[in-house]
Amino acid sequence: MSRSKKPVNPGAENALDRMKLEVANELGISDQVRSQGWSTMTSADCGRVGGHMVRKMIEQYESGMSGTSATATSSTLTAQYDANKQP
């Protein structure tokens, strides 16, 4: 069976694109993305953006389960030991 390029939740596609640009802005690569597009970005940069997006989604989910506000990414155990962290 082949994979479908159709999104599972089409309503979430715009929200994920906004989140992707937000994370790119936090990482300082949003200007390059806006001027040249995602296809010119390195796989390391794209992976870094995806990793931060997953981290944020997990934090939002966990905070929703516990009923408290999300903690800063830098205080999470994963972020403290991030092998891809830029100096």
Protein backbone atom coordinates (compact mmCIF):
# COMPACT_ATOMS: atom_id res chain seq x y z
CA MET A 1 0.00 0.00 0.00
CA SER A 2 1.40 3.41 -0.93
CA ARG A 3 1.41 6.44 1.32
CA SER A 4 -1.12 9.14 0.71
CA LYS A 5 0.04 12.75 0.58
CA LYS A 6 -3.40 13.76 1.83
CA PRO A 7 -3.16 15.18 5.39
CA VAL A 8 -4.90 13.25 8.15
CA ASN A 9 -6.44 16.46 9.51
CA PRO A 10 -6.58 19.13 6.77
CA GLY A 11 -7.63 21.76 9.32
CA ALA A 12 -4.36 21.37 11.19
CA GLU A 13 -2.18 21.99 8.14
CA ASN A 14 -2.29 25.80 8.46
CA ALA A 15 -1.62 25.67 12.19
CA LEU A 16 1.41 23.42 11.65
CA ASP A 17 2.75 25.75 8.94
CA ARG A 18 2.42 28.70 11.33
CA MET A 19 4.16 26.73 14.06
CA LYS A 20 6.93 25.76 11.64
CA LEU A 21 7.58 29.43 10.82
CA GLU A 22 7.42 30.36 14.51
CA VAL A 23 10.09 27.78 15.35
CA ALA A 24 12.19 28.88 12.36
CA ASN A 25 11.99 32.42 13.72
CA GLU A 26 13.14 31.24 17.16
CA LEU A 27 16.08 29.46 15.53
CA GLY A 28 16.99 32.54 13.46
CA ILE A 29 16.40 31.01 10.03
CA SER A 30 12.99 32.49 9.19
CA ASP A 31 14.39 35.20 6.88
CA GLN A 32 16.15 32.58 4.78
CA VAL A 33 12.99 30.42 4.68
CA ARG A 34 10.83 33.35 3.60
CA SER A 35 13.21 34.50 0.88
CA GLN A 36 14.36 31.14 -0.51
CA GLY A 37 11.78 28.60 0.68
CA TRP A 38 12.04 25.34 2.57
CA SER A 39 13.50 23.45 -0.38
CA THR A 40 16.80 25.32 -0.05
CA MET A 41 17.22 24.59 3.67
CA THR A 42 19.67 21.96 4.85
CA SER A 43 18.33 18.70 6.23
CA ALA A 44 19.92 19.59 9.57
CA ASP A 45 17.95 22.86 9.75
CA CYS A 46 14.71 21.13 8.74
CA GLY A 47 15.32 18.42 11.32
CA ARG A 48 16.04 20.99 13.99
CA VAL A 49 12.75 22.77 13.20
CA GLY A 50 10.85 19.47 13.28
CA GLY A 51 12.45 18.46 16.55
CA HIS A 52 11.50 21.73 18.21
CA MET A 53 7.95 21.43 16.87
CA VAL A 54 7.58 17.95 18.36
CA ARG A 55 9.02 19.16 21.66
CA LYS A 56 6.50 22.03 21.77
CA MET A 57 3.58 19.76 20.90
CA ILE A 58 4.54 17.32 23.66
CA GLU A 59 4.81 20.18 26.16
CA GLN A 60 1.39 21.51 25.14
CA TYR A 61 -0.15 18.05 25.46
CA GLU A 62 1.45 17.40 28.84
CA SER A 63 0.41 20.78 30.19
CA GLY A 64 -3.14 20.14 28.99
CA MET A 65 -3.19 16.82 30.84
CA SER A 66 -1.89 18.29 34.09
CA GLY A 67 -3.89 21.52 33.88
CA THR A 68 -0.83 23.73 34.32
CA SER A 69 0.91 26.12 31.96
CA ALA A 70 3.72 24.86 29.71
CA THR A 71 7.27 25.19 30.95
CA ALA A 72 10.02 26.79 28.92
CA THR A 73 11.70 24.44 26.45
CA SER A 74 15.15 25.21 27.87
CA SER A 75 14.15 23.76 31.23
CA THR A 76 13.13 20.37 29.89
CA LEU A 77 15.45 17.44 30.27
CA THR A 78 15.45 16.84 26.52
CA ALA A 79 16.57 20.38 25.77
CA GLN A 80 19.36 20.23 28.35
CA TYR A 81 20.92 17.26 26.61
CA ASP A 82 20.11 18.19 23.00
CA ALA A 83 22.94 16.84 20.83
CA ASN A 84 22.04 19.25 18.00
CA LYS A 85 22.05 22.37 20.16
CA GLN A 86 23.94 25.18 18.47
CA PRO A 87 26.54 27.00 20.65
